[in-house]
Amino acid sequence: MKAEAGSRLEAAALRLDRAITMLEQRLTKRLAEAGAQAGDLFDQDRTKLAADLDEARARERELEEAAGDASAALGGAIAELKAWGVEGRSNG
């Protein structure tokens, strides 16, 4: 009976070892897949951030141009007022 119990125990140990090996292989595969997905998400985030930065820079250029136009218009208006003899007066 001892021999039979020992051989059943050995068989159970072998099954357990195979199950652990399969589990480790599946876990390794899942970790690799998760790592690949995380890399893809990082690349997507980086791409979106780069696009957002490009948009912000374009908007900055538009605003700088509009500010330059407004400054030129204001300068022209001041020059016209001076030409008409209108001076700024302080309330004092």
Protein backbone atom coordinates (compact mmCIF):
# COMPACT_ATOMS: atom_id res chain seq x y z
CA MET A 1 0.00 0.00 0.00
CA LYS A 2 2.88 2.35 0.71
CA ALA A 3 4.22 1.88 -2.80
CA GLU A 4 0.80 2.56 -4.31
CA ALA A 5 0.33 5.69 -2.16
CA GLY A 6 3.81 6.86 -3.07
CA SER A 7 3.20 6.43 -6.77
CA ARG A 8 -0.16 8.26 -6.54
CA LEU A 9 1.59 11.04 -4.66
CA GLU A 10 4.31 11.23 -7.31
CA ALA A 11 1.66 11.34 -10.06
CA ALA A 12 -0.17 14.12 -8.24
CA ALA A 13 3.11 16.03 -7.81
CA LEU A 14 3.81 15.70 -11.54
CA ARG A 15 0.32 16.97 -12.41
CA LEU A 16 0.81 19.88 -10.03
CA ASP A 17 4.19 20.66 -11.60
CA ARG A 18 2.68 20.62 -15.12
CA ALA A 19 -0.19 22.86 -13.97
CA ILE A 20 2.26 25.33 -12.42
CA THR A 21 4.35 25.33 -15.60
CA MET A 22 1.27 26.01 -17.73
CA LEU A 23 0.18 28.76 -15.38
CA GLU A 24 3.61 30.40 -15.55
CA GLN A 25 3.54 30.24 -19.37
CA ARG A 26 0.08 31.80 -19.52
CA LEU A 27 1.09 34.48 -17.04
CA THR A 28 4.22 35.29 -19.06
CA LYS A 29 2.10 35.55 -22.22
CA ARG A 30 -0.48 37.80 -20.53
CA LEU A 31 2.23 40.05 -19.11
CA ALA A 32 3.80 40.38 -22.55
CA GLU A 33 0.40 41.26 -24.07
CA ALA A 34 -0.30 43.79 -21.32
CA GLY A 35 3.12 45.35 -21.84
CA ALA A 36 2.49 45.67 -25.57
CA GLN A 37 -0.90 47.29 -24.94
CA ALA A 38 0.62 49.70 -22.44
CA GLY A 39 3.26 50.63 -25.01
CA ASP A 40 0.55 51.27 -27.60
CA LEU A 41 -1.37 53.47 -25.16
CA PHE A 42 1.78 55.42 -24.36
CA ASP A 43 2.43 55.96 -28.06
CA GLN A 44 -1.16 57.11 -28.58
CA ASP A 45 -0.90 59.53 -25.65
CA ARG A 46 2.39 60.90 -26.96
CA THR A 47 0.91 61.33 -30.44
CA LYS A 48 -2.13 63.16 -29.03
CA LEU A 49 0.05 65.40 -26.88
CA ALA A 50 2.21 66.26 -29.89
CA ALA A 51 -0.89 67.14 -31.92
CA ASP A 52 -2.24 69.25 -29.05
CA LEU A 53 1.09 71.06 -28.80
CA ASP A 54 1.07 71.77 -32.55
CA GLU A 55 -2.45 73.19 -32.26
CA ALA A 56 -1.44 75.36 -29.31
CA ARG A 57 1.58 76.69 -31.17
CA ALA A 58 -0.56 77.50 -34.22
CA ARG A 59 -3.05 79.31 -31.99
CA GLU A 60 -0.19 81.20 -30.35
CA ARG A 61 1.00 82.38 -33.78
CA GLU A 62 -2.54 83.49 -34.65
CA LEU A 63 -2.84 85.42 -31.40
CA GLU A 64 0.56 87.06 -31.88
CA GLU A 65 -0.47 88.12 -35.38
CA ALA A 66 -3.80 89.48 -34.11
CA ALA A 67 -1.98 91.35 -31.34
CA GLY A 68 0.39 92.85 -33.89
CA ASP A 69 -2.54 93.92 -36.08
CA ALA A 70 -4.33 95.43 -33.07
CA SER A 71 -1.18 97.27 -32.02
CA ALA A 72 -0.70 98.66 -35.52
CA ALA A 73 -4.36 99.75 -35.69
CA LEU A 74 -4.10 101.40 -32.29
CA GLY A 75 -0.90 103.16 -33.33
CA GLY A 76 -2.65 104.39 -36.50
CA ALA A 77 -5.63 105.67 -34.49
CA ILE A 78 -3.32 107.50 -32.08
CA ALA A 79 -1.47 109.07 -35.00
CA GLU A 80 -4.77 110.23 -36.55
CA LEU A 81 -5.92 111.74 -33.26
CA LYS A 82 -2.63 113.58 -32.91
CA ALA A 83 -2.93 114.82 -36.48
CA TRP A 84 -6.38 116.23 -35.65
CA GLY A 85 -4.93 117.94 -32.62
CA VAL A 86 -6.55 115.72 -30.02
CA GLU A 87 -4.20 115.20 -27.10
CA GLY A 88 -4.68 113.02 -24.08
CA ARG A 89 -5.65 115.07 -21.04
CA SER A 90 -5.15 114.06 -17.50
CA ASN A 91 -7.86 114.68 -14.92
CA GLY A 92 -5.92 116.37 -12.26
